Amino acid sequence: MTPAPLRGLRVVDLSQYIAGSVCGQLLADFGAEVTKVEPLGGDPSRALTGTAYGSLWFRSYNTGKQSVRLDLRDPDDRARLNELLADAHAVVSNFARRTRERLGLDAATLHRAYPELVVTTVSAYGADDPRTCFDSIAQAVSGFAAVNADEAGRPRISAGYPTDVFCGMYAGFSTAMALLDRPVRGVEIDVPMEEIAMTALAGPAFLSAAEAGTVPRGRGDRDAATCPSGIYPCADGFAYVYAGLDKHWALLRPLVDGPLGALSERLRDPGPFDAAVTAWTSRLCVAEVCKTLDALGVPAGPVLDPVTALAGITARRPGAVVALEADGEAVPQYPVTFNGQRPARTPAPAQEVTR
């Protein structure tokens, strides 16, 4: 058995795309009954890239939910939504402020009708700000893209929509805490994408910005806090070598004939240290590099493509990452176990739902 402290609690998920959907998914993982309310054409993420089983994006972040399609401008459909809200303990959305107000889905309006409802909003710059935002914009305006810059100083956006996923995680955790705080009271939870990106993606940089007024420049694939640590070429691919802590560099330096230097010196001028590691790794295949460093006590790992990575982890940890349904559909799995068990996930609701 896995923990289900939210069993018996009902959540209305009005969100679209990723962030709010992750919130609802996590609540479902721990027992909540989550109803996904989609527009008549379906959540827009259903139209994104997919396979024969549907959108990869929608199916990744909407497991464990029921679904209903409603036109919120239609009086009958709005009445149906009101029925769901009256029976719910929480509602999650990521509508912009003007849309929330126009639809009567802002926290103030909802609390007048449903005083004990937990209202969670994934906002752009705060629930009171009318602007909209997407993950990549949040990475840019938060300063993360600058911190993540390549070695030439060009800002870089990270793949995988990390702001959306972190927003969903913070929203899910915060909503669960509000629901478990007895007695449950009407709460407005604001999850601003800009602030989440600053906190979750680049937290140490903002301590430096606040205390010293400066931040370290982008280092590309190099580690921000140690050196030499980064992706290095091998004879048949690439490996990540984490040798930047003093204890690890002391072990690796004799093997690669690298220069002496304290951590501060290595960070200030990483070139000679990276060059020594590169000269060594480039002569060997990835497996040789990783085996040698493992024996030496220096952390390292191969740079794998997703197909190879999935095959490896499922061989070591059966049930990890995805589980296959009888028809071949892959269902993403919760990545944490409780006494060896994962919360059971059902596939995201199919497109052929009815009102």
Foldseek 3Di string as FASTA:
>chain_A
DDAQPQAPAEEEEAAAFFQSLQLQQVNLLRHYAYEYEAAPQGRVQQPDDDDPQTRPRLFARFWRYHYEHADLVDVVRVVVVVVSLQRHQEYEYADFLVVCVVSLNDLVSSCVVVFLHAYEYAYAAKNVDRDHDALQVLCVVLCVQFQQAEPVRGGDGDPDSVLSNQSSVVRNVVVVVQVPPPPRGYHYHYRHSNVSCNCVRPNVQVVCCVPPVDGDGHHHQQDPQFPPWGWEDACAAIKTWDQGDPVSCVLCCVVLVADDDDRVVCNVPVVRRNVSVNVVRHHHDPVVVCVVSVVSVTDMGGDDDPVVVVVVVCVVQPPAQWDADPVGDTHGFDHDDDVSHGRDIHTRDGPPDYD
